[in-house]
Protein backbone atom coordinates (compact mmCIF):
# COMPACT_ATOMS: atom_id res chain seq x y z
CA MET A 1 -5.61 6.22 -6.21
CA ARG A 2 -9.25 7.26 -5.99
CA ASN A 3 -8.24 10.93 -6.05
CA VAL A 4 -6.15 10.37 -9.14
CA CYS A 5 -9.08 8.80 -10.95
CA VAL A 6 -11.38 11.66 -9.97
CA CYS A 7 -8.86 14.20 -11.30
CA LEU A 8 -8.50 12.33 -14.56
CA ILE A 9 -12.32 12.24 -15.01
CA VAL A 10 -12.55 15.96 -14.39
CA MET A 11 -9.76 16.69 -16.88
CA CYS A 12 -11.48 14.57 -19.53
CA CYS A 13 -14.76 16.40 -18.97
CA CYS A 14 -13.08 19.74 -19.34
CA ILE A 15 -11.37 18.74 -22.59
CA ILE A 16 -14.73 17.48 -24.06
CA VAL A 17 -16.61 20.64 -23.06
CA SER A 18 -13.89 22.82 -24.49
CA SER A 19 -13.61 20.96 -27.81
CA THR A 20 -17.35 20.85 -28.40
CA GLY A 21 -17.91 24.49 -27.65
CA CYS A 22 -20.40 23.78 -24.87
CA SER A 23 -18.62 26.30 -22.68
CA ARG A 24 -20.13 29.04 -24.87
CA CYS A 25 -23.73 28.10 -24.04
CA CYS A 26 -23.90 30.67 -21.31
CA VAL A 27 -22.07 33.40 -23.23
CA LYS A 28 -24.36 36.25 -24.23
CA ASP A 29 -24.70 36.85 -27.95
CA GLU A 30 -22.91 40.12 -28.74
CA GLU A 31 -25.01 40.91 -31.77
CA PRO A 32 -27.84 43.49 -31.50
CA ALA A 33 -31.05 41.88 -30.41
CA ALA A 34 -33.95 41.32 -32.77
CA PHE A 35 -37.43 42.74 -32.10
CA LYS A 36 -40.13 40.63 -30.57
CA ARG A 37 -42.82 42.27 -32.71
CA MET A 38 -42.87 44.10 -36.04
CA GLU A 39 -44.87 46.80 -34.33
CA ASP A 40 -41.76 47.77 -32.31
CA PHE A 41 -39.88 48.77 -35.49
CA HIS A 42 -40.47 51.88 -37.64
CA TRP A 43 -39.13 53.08 -40.88
CA PRO A 44 -38.34 56.82 -41.07
CA GLU A 45 -40.92 59.43 -42.05
CA GLY A 46 -43.75 56.95 -42.16
CA LYS A 47 -42.26 54.83 -44.95
CA ARG A 48 -43.71 51.34 -45.25
CA ALA A 49 -40.64 49.50 -46.52
CA ALA A 50 -37.00 49.94 -47.63
CA ILE A 51 -35.10 49.07 -50.78
CA SER A 52 -31.39 49.08 -51.53
CA LEU A 53 -30.03 48.89 -55.10
CA THR A 54 -26.69 47.10 -55.20
CA PHE A 55 -24.41 46.30 -58.09
CA ASP A 56 -21.29 44.12 -58.22
CA ASP A 57 -17.85 44.22 -59.85
CA ALA A 58 -17.72 47.96 -60.78
CA ARG A 59 -18.64 47.06 -64.37
CA LEU A 60 -18.21 49.87 -66.88
CA SER A 61 -21.92 50.07 -67.68
CA GLN A 62 -22.60 50.93 -64.06
CA VAL A 63 -20.90 54.33 -64.48
CA ASP A 64 -21.85 54.79 -68.13
CA ARG A 65 -25.51 53.89 -67.86
CA GLY A 66 -26.57 53.21 -64.28
CA ILE A 67 -25.21 56.12 -62.18
CA PRO A 68 -26.63 58.81 -64.52
CA ILE A 69 -30.11 57.26 -64.09
CA LEU A 70 -29.70 57.13 -60.30
CA ASP A 71 -28.47 60.72 -60.19
CA GLU A 72 -31.36 61.92 -62.35
CA TYR A 73 -33.74 60.76 -59.68
CA GLY A 74 -31.60 61.58 -56.70
CA MET A 75 -31.26 57.91 -55.66
CA LYS A 76 -28.20 56.41 -53.97
CA ALA A 77 -26.95 52.88 -54.53
CA THR A 78 -24.28 50.61 -53.16
CA PHE A 79 -21.54 49.35 -55.48
CA TYR A 80 -19.41 46.36 -54.49
CA VAL A 81 -16.30 46.92 -56.55
CA SER A 82 -13.68 44.78 -58.32
CA PHE A 83 -10.45 46.54 -59.06
CA GLY A 84 -9.70 45.98 -62.79
CA SER A 85 -12.82 47.79 -64.06
CA LEU A 86 -12.79 50.28 -61.10
CA GLU A 87 -9.40 51.64 -62.19
CA GLN A 88 -10.54 52.10 -65.76
CA ARG A 89 -13.10 54.68 -64.62
CA LEU A 90 -11.46 55.93 -61.43
CA GLU A 91 -12.36 59.58 -61.73
CA VAL A 92 -16.02 58.79 -62.41
CA TRP A 93 -16.10 56.52 -59.35
CA LYS A 94 -14.63 59.28 -57.26
CA ALA A 95 -17.45 61.53 -58.43
CA ALA A 96 -19.97 58.86 -57.56
CA VAL A 97 -18.59 58.72 -54.00
CA ALA A 98 -18.71 62.47 -53.73
CA ASN A 99 -22.38 62.32 -54.85
CA GLY A 100 -23.34 59.98 -51.97
CA HIS A 101 -23.14 56.51 -53.52
CA GLU A 102 -21.75 53.82 -51.26
CA ILE A 103 -18.65 51.75 -52.15
CA GLY A 104 -18.52 48.19 -50.77
CA ASN A 105 -15.86 45.51 -50.51
CA HIS A 106 -16.33 42.59 -52.99
CA SER A 107 -13.00 40.84 -52.08
CA LEU A 108 -9.54 41.21 -53.51
CA VAL A 109 -9.69 38.70 -56.33
CA HIS A 110 -13.34 37.52 -56.41
CA PRO A 111 -12.78 33.91 -55.18
CA CYS A 112 -15.58 31.43 -55.96
CA SER A 113 -15.96 27.66 -56.03
CA GLY A 114 -13.33 25.96 -58.18
CA ASN A 115 -16.22 24.16 -59.90
CA PHE A 116 -16.48 27.36 -61.95
CA PRO A 117 -13.59 27.09 -64.53
CA PHE A 118 -12.89 30.84 -64.26
CA ALA A 119 -12.27 30.51 -60.51
CA ARG A 120 -10.05 27.43 -60.40
CA GLU A 121 -6.92 29.45 -59.60
CA ARG A 122 -8.70 31.24 -56.80
CA ALA A 123 -10.99 28.53 -55.56
CA LEU A 124 -12.70 28.87 -52.17
CA GLU A 125 -12.05 25.23 -51.57
CA ASP A 126 -8.32 26.11 -51.38
CA TYR A 127 -8.74 29.11 -48.98
CA THR A 128 -8.32 29.35 -45.22
CA LEU A 129 -10.06 31.80 -42.91
CA ASP A 130 -6.72 33.55 -42.33
CA GLN A 131 -6.15 33.96 -46.04
CA MET A 132 -9.65 35.27 -46.48
CA ARG A 133 -9.25 37.77 -43.67
CA SER A 134 -5.99 39.00 -45.11
CA GLU A 135 -7.46 39.54 -48.60
CA LEU A 136 -10.55 41.31 -47.31
CA ARG A 137 -8.37 43.72 -45.43
CA GLN A 138 -6.10 44.21 -48.45
CA ALA A 139 -9.19 45.01 -50.52
CA SER A 140 -10.43 47.60 -48.01
CA ASP A 141 -6.98 49.15 -47.96
CA LYS A 142 -6.95 49.43 -51.73
CA ILE A 143 -10.44 50.94 -51.90
CA GLU A 144 -9.41 53.54 -49.33
CA ASP A 145 -6.21 54.32 -51.29
CA LEU A 146 -8.11 54.67 -54.57
CA LEU A 147 -11.30 56.39 -53.49
CA GLY A 148 -10.64 57.80 -50.05
CA VAL A 149 -13.44 55.82 -48.35
CA ARG A 150 -13.26 52.73 -46.11
CA PRO A 151 -16.01 50.19 -46.92
CA ILE A 152 -18.20 48.91 -44.17
CA SER A 153 -20.42 46.81 -46.53
CA PHE A 154 -19.42 43.51 -48.15
CA ALA A 155 -20.95 41.26 -50.85
CA TYR A 156 -20.00 37.56 -51.04
CA PRO A 157 -18.52 36.78 -54.46
CA CYS A 158 -20.83 34.31 -56.23
CA GLY A 159 -22.97 34.43 -53.12
CA GLN A 160 -20.76 31.70 -51.64
CA LYS A 161 -19.88 32.01 -47.90
CA TYR A 162 -17.37 29.28 -47.16
CA VAL A 163 -13.72 28.36 -47.39
CA GLY A 164 -12.11 24.91 -47.49
CA ARG A 165 -13.59 21.51 -48.22
CA GLY A 166 -14.77 18.42 -46.38
CA ARG A 167 -13.71 18.41 -42.72
CA ASN A 168 -11.90 21.72 -43.25
CA TYR A 169 -15.06 23.44 -44.61
CA ARG A 170 -15.74 26.69 -42.70
CA SER A 171 -18.29 29.51 -43.01
CA TYR A 172 -16.68 32.92 -43.30
CA VAL A 173 -19.88 34.77 -42.30
CA PRO A 174 -18.46 35.21 -38.71
CA LEU A 175 -15.37 36.77 -40.28
CA VAL A 176 -17.44 39.20 -42.30
CA ALA A 177 -19.34 40.07 -39.14
CA GLU A 178 -16.06 41.02 -37.48
CA GLU A 179 -14.73 43.07 -40.45
CA PHE A 180 -17.88 44.79 -41.78
CA LEU A 181 -21.24 46.12 -40.77
CA THR A 182 -23.04 44.03 -43.36
CA GLY A 183 -22.57 41.07 -45.74
CA ARG A 184 -24.91 40.66 -48.69
CA GLY A 185 -25.72 37.36 -50.39
CA TRP A 186 -26.86 36.55 -53.94
CA MET A 187 -29.69 34.79 -55.71
CA ASN A 188 -31.90 34.72 -52.57
CA GLU A 189 -35.67 34.64 -52.80
CA TRP A 190 -37.01 37.09 -50.22
CA ALA A 191 -36.50 40.36 -48.48
CA ASN A 192 -34.86 40.95 -45.09
CA ASP A 193 -36.97 41.31 -41.98
CA PRO A 194 -35.62 44.35 -40.15
CA THR A 195 -36.77 42.93 -36.87
CA PHE A 196 -34.79 39.70 -37.32
CA CYS A 197 -32.23 39.74 -40.15
CA ASP A 198 -28.53 38.88 -39.61
CA MET A 199 -26.53 41.86 -40.91
CA ALA A 200 -23.61 39.68 -41.87
CA ASN A 201 -25.87 37.39 -43.96
CA LEU A 202 -28.35 39.66 -45.77
CA MET A 203 -30.48 38.24 -48.52
CA GLY A 204 -29.88 39.71 -51.96
CA VAL A 205 -32.60 39.35 -54.64
CA GLU A 206 -31.56 39.28 -58.30
CA LEU A 207 -32.42 42.40 -60.32
CA ASP A 208 -30.79 41.38 -63.59
CA GLY A 209 -33.04 40.57 -66.51
CA LYS A 210 -36.25 41.56 -64.77
CA SER A 211 -38.91 43.87 -66.14
CA PHE A 212 -40.36 46.56 -63.92
CA GLU A 213 -43.62 44.59 -63.69
CA GLN A 214 -41.74 41.61 -62.23
CA VAL A 215 -39.87 43.85 -59.88
CA LYS A 216 -43.06 45.57 -58.75
CA GLN A 217 -44.61 42.22 -57.77
CA VAL A 218 -41.67 41.67 -55.37
CA MET A 219 -41.90 45.24 -54.04
CA ASP A 220 -45.63 44.92 -53.39
CA ARG A 221 -45.02 41.89 -51.13
CA VAL A 222 -42.30 43.83 -49.26
CA LEU A 223 -44.52 46.86 -48.78
CA LYS A 224 -47.14 44.60 -47.32
CA ASP A 225 -44.67 43.01 -44.85
CA GLY A 226 -42.62 46.14 -44.03
CA GLY A 227 -39.32 44.54 -45.06
CA TRP A 228 -35.96 45.58 -46.54
CA LEU A 229 -35.50 44.43 -50.12
CA VAL A 230 -31.86 44.37 -51.28
CA PHE A 231 -31.70 44.06 -55.04
CA ALA A 232 -28.47 42.78 -56.58
CA GLY A 233 -27.40 43.41 -60.17
CA HIS A 234 -24.27 43.58 -62.44
CA ASP A 235 -24.27 45.31 -65.80
CA ILE A 236 -26.83 47.95 -66.68
CA GLY A 237 -28.12 48.21 -70.17
CA ASP A 238 -30.69 47.15 -72.73
CA GLY A 239 -30.30 43.36 -72.27
CA GLY A 240 -27.86 40.49 -72.07
CA ARG A 241 -26.45 38.16 -69.46
CA GLN A 242 -26.23 39.52 -65.91
CA THR A 243 -27.68 42.83 -67.00
CA THR A 244 -30.14 44.98 -65.10
CA LEU A 245 -32.39 46.62 -67.66
CA ALA A 246 -31.93 50.37 -67.81
CA SER A 247 -35.67 50.77 -68.36
CA THR A 248 -36.39 48.81 -65.18
CA LEU A 249 -33.94 50.81 -63.14
CA GLN A 250 -35.44 54.07 -64.37
CA ALA A 251 -39.00 52.95 -63.62
CA LEU A 252 -37.99 51.68 -60.20
CA CYS A 253 -36.38 54.97 -59.32
CA LYS A 254 -39.40 56.91 -60.48
CA TYR A 255 -41.68 54.66 -58.43
CA ALA A 256 -39.63 55.04 -55.27
CA GLN A 257 -39.42 58.78 -55.72
CA ASP A 258 -43.21 59.14 -55.36
CA PRO A 259 -43.89 59.58 -51.59
CA ALA A 260 -47.37 58.02 -51.98
CA ASN A 261 -45.67 54.63 -52.56
CA GLY A 262 -44.10 54.62 -49.17
CA ILE A 263 -40.63 53.31 -50.09
CA TRP A 264 -37.32 54.42 -48.67
CA LEU A 265 -34.68 53.78 -51.22
CA ASP A 266 -31.11 54.17 -49.92
CA THR A 267 -27.73 52.58 -49.57
CA VAL A 268 -27.13 49.41 -47.59
CA GLU A 269 -25.06 51.44 -45.10
CA SER A 270 -27.82 53.96 -44.41
CA ILE A 271 -30.57 51.40 -43.95
CA SER A 272 -28.52 49.02 -41.85
CA ARG A 273 -27.55 51.90 -39.55
CA HIS A 274 -31.21 52.80 -39.06
CA ILE A 275 -32.09 49.21 -38.19
CA LEU A 276 -29.21 48.77 -35.78
CA ARG A 277 -30.00 51.98 -34.07
CA GLN A 278 -33.57 50.99 -33.39
CA ARG A 279 -32.45 47.50 -32.18
CA SER A 280 -30.32 49.11 -29.45
CA PRO A 281 -32.23 49.68 -26.26
CA ALA A 282 -30.71 53.07 -25.55
CA GLY A 283 -31.04 54.34 -29.10
CA ALA A 284 -27.36 53.94 -29.82
CA GLY A 285 -25.92 51.31 -27.44
CA GLU A 286 -24.79 48.20 -29.10
CA SER A 287 -24.77 49.57 -32.67
CA ASP A 288 -22.52 52.45 -31.64
CA GLN A 289 -20.18 50.04 -29.84
CA LYS A 290 -20.01 47.73 -32.81
CA LEU A 291 -19.32 50.50 -35.26
CA SER A 292 -16.78 52.35 -33.13
CA GLY A 293 -14.97 49.10 -32.55
CA MET A 294 -14.49 48.52 -36.30
CA GLY A 295 -11.36 50.65 -36.60
CA GLY A 296 -7.70 50.05 -35.94
CA PRO A 297 -4.48 48.82 -37.46
CA HIS A 298 -6.06 45.80 -39.24
CA GLY A 299 -8.08 47.91 -41.69
CA GLN A 300 -11.58 47.71 -40.35
CA PRO A 301 -13.66 50.82 -40.84
CA ASN A 302 -13.64 53.38 -38.07
CA LEU A 303 -17.09 54.91 -37.56
CA ASN A 304 -17.43 57.29 -34.69
CA VAL A 305 -20.88 58.75 -35.22
CA LEU A 306 -24.19 57.20 -36.35
CA PRO A 307 -26.64 59.53 -38.02
CA ALA A 308 -29.91 60.06 -36.36
CA GLY A 309 -32.37 57.28 -37.11
């Protein structure tokens, strides 16, 4: 009888440990390690900080106004695309890809909280992780079919990173970490620390509606700290809701173009690769393993070579 009681106690303990996740406490984190000191990290060619310009939804003004400005100054941006507007300017988007701009995944149908009236039929509260995974892969498939590139960068629609509600509420940041190299947020307040940041949960700072003077104040802080500032915008024009001012974009590109200012302006993909390569002890190591493992039948990108850091 005593042996039976002991066995039952052991079984109960195993169930409790398994259900609470305590059994993972000794499992090594598989993500690339962060640096202990900022002095251990270096931007290329003596640059003091990095900036990525990102734009959501493939809005028509991005190809009509924004890309010509970027191309004039030789700057590359990351565009997280939605499909309705993308297909209206498909040939121009193909040319943008050929010119070195990055195309990112922004989901299949742009789900957001159902508290937004426009999203009630695609409310995140009604999603499951399996549904989200399926739609992210479908979106990557469609981008590859239309533009011939497989996205490795993702931006959370509305900056919201959950599915479900109440007891069924779940973060889908871990899912993005499995499917993509990076995931960018929205309406954040600060830059990303390259020695520490979570690639699946990058901070995105609003670019819309800001003058160059306002933008420069943010850039100056980033230059001082050696960070990675990811700007996030939508339309590009002379004014209006969710619109990056064309004059600000032009002034920002001109400022970054001057080597004396010490800024590396490039795509999210290029900068994240540089960071991951430096985080890996052997110079490639974990970042190579992570990237090479992102291919296969489920639609994740297949990256075999990382460029030199």
